[in-house]
Amino acid sequence: MYLTNPAKAKGFFPDIIQVLGKYDLQHYLMAYAKHGTFPSKTEWKRIVKTSIHDQVETNWRTRVNNDCELRRYLVIHPQY
């Protein structure tokens, strides 16, 4: 289910695959395609929110730790 050149692909499914890949959720789509199983709506919402939050916090922490001007900000605001 991997696209050879996802940058050129257009449409609903390539967009979905790109977003799932960005937040490391593509294995849920693969499990659905193989086994027909998918989390419930409530569980899926929790999984997506957690995954997005983790990704955003990781990116924030990386940026703050790698930019000497922003390191002081960690003292004032230690969490995202």
Protein backbone atom coordinates (compact mmCIF):
# COMPACT_ATOMS: atom_id res chain seq x y z
CA MET A 1 0.00 0.00 0.00
CA TYR A 2 3.00 2.27 -0.24
CA LEU A 3 3.02 4.82 -3.01
CA THR A 4 6.05 4.99 -5.26
CA ASN A 5 5.96 8.78 -5.38
CA PRO A 6 3.49 10.16 -2.83
CA ALA A 7 4.34 13.76 -3.74
CA LYS A 8 2.74 13.31 -7.17
CA ALA A 9 -0.30 11.36 -5.99
CA LYS A 10 -3.46 13.39 -5.62
CA GLY A 11 -6.79 12.63 -4.06
CA PHE A 12 -8.47 11.51 -0.88
CA PHE A 13 -6.59 8.27 -0.21
CA PRO A 14 -3.07 9.62 -0.81
CA ASP A 15 -3.92 12.51 1.54
CA ILE A 16 -5.13 10.07 4.20
CA ILE A 17 -2.03 7.90 3.83
CA GLN A 18 0.20 10.98 4.10
CA VAL A 19 -1.50 12.16 7.31
CA LEU A 20 -1.44 8.67 8.83
CA GLY A 21 2.26 8.41 8.00
CA LYS A 22 3.01 11.80 9.51
CA TYR A 23 1.64 10.69 12.86
CA ASP A 24 2.79 7.04 12.59
CA LEU A 25 -0.76 5.67 12.38
CA GLN A 26 -0.56 3.87 9.03
CA HIS A 27 -0.41 0.46 10.72
CA TYR A 28 -4.08 0.88 11.69
CA LEU A 29 -5.01 1.23 8.02
CA MET A 30 -2.90 -1.82 7.17
CA ALA A 31 -4.56 -3.86 9.93
CA TYR A 32 -7.95 -2.79 8.64
CA ALA A 33 -7.03 -3.78 5.08
CA LYS A 34 -5.64 -7.17 6.17
CA HIS A 35 -7.99 -8.20 8.97
CA GLY A 36 -10.96 -5.85 8.79
CA THR A 37 -10.37 -4.67 12.36
CA PHE A 38 -10.36 -1.05 13.41
CA PRO A 39 -10.63 0.65 16.81
CA SER A 40 -13.97 1.99 17.96
CA LYS A 41 -14.72 5.66 17.31
CA THR A 42 -13.94 6.63 20.92
CA GLU A 43 -10.72 4.64 20.99
CA TRP A 44 -9.67 5.98 17.57
CA LYS A 45 -10.19 9.57 18.71
CA ARG A 46 -8.04 8.90 21.78
CA ILE A 47 -5.32 7.25 19.68
CA VAL A 48 -5.25 10.14 17.19
CA LYS A 49 -5.23 12.85 19.87
CA THR A 50 -2.43 11.09 21.76
CA SER A 51 -0.37 10.54 18.63
CA ILE A 52 -0.72 14.15 17.48
CA HIS A 53 0.09 15.49 20.95
CA ASP A 54 3.18 13.26 21.21
CA GLN A 55 4.40 14.33 17.76
CA VAL A 56 3.86 18.04 18.46
CA GLU A 57 5.55 17.81 21.86
CA THR A 58 8.53 15.94 20.41
CA ASN A 59 8.93 18.55 17.67
CA TRP A 60 8.59 21.38 20.22
CA ARG A 61 11.12 19.82 22.59
CA THR A 62 13.60 19.21 19.76
CA ARG A 63 13.29 22.78 18.56
CA VAL A 64 13.61 24.30 22.04
CA ASN A 65 16.61 22.12 22.93
CA ASN A 66 18.43 22.82 19.65
CA ASP A 67 17.94 26.59 19.62
CA CYS A 68 20.10 28.35 22.22
CA GLU A 69 17.79 31.38 22.18
CA LEU A 70 14.84 29.21 23.13
CA ARG A 71 16.55 27.21 25.90
CA ARG A 72 15.74 29.92 28.44
CA TYR A 73 12.10 29.41 27.58
CA LEU A 74 12.32 25.90 29.06
CA VAL A 75 12.90 27.44 32.48
CA ILE A 76 9.68 29.43 32.25
CA HIS A 77 7.66 26.89 30.30
CA PRO A 78 9.08 23.36 30.85
CA GLN A 79 6.20 21.54 29.15
CA TYR A 80 4.44 22.04 25.84
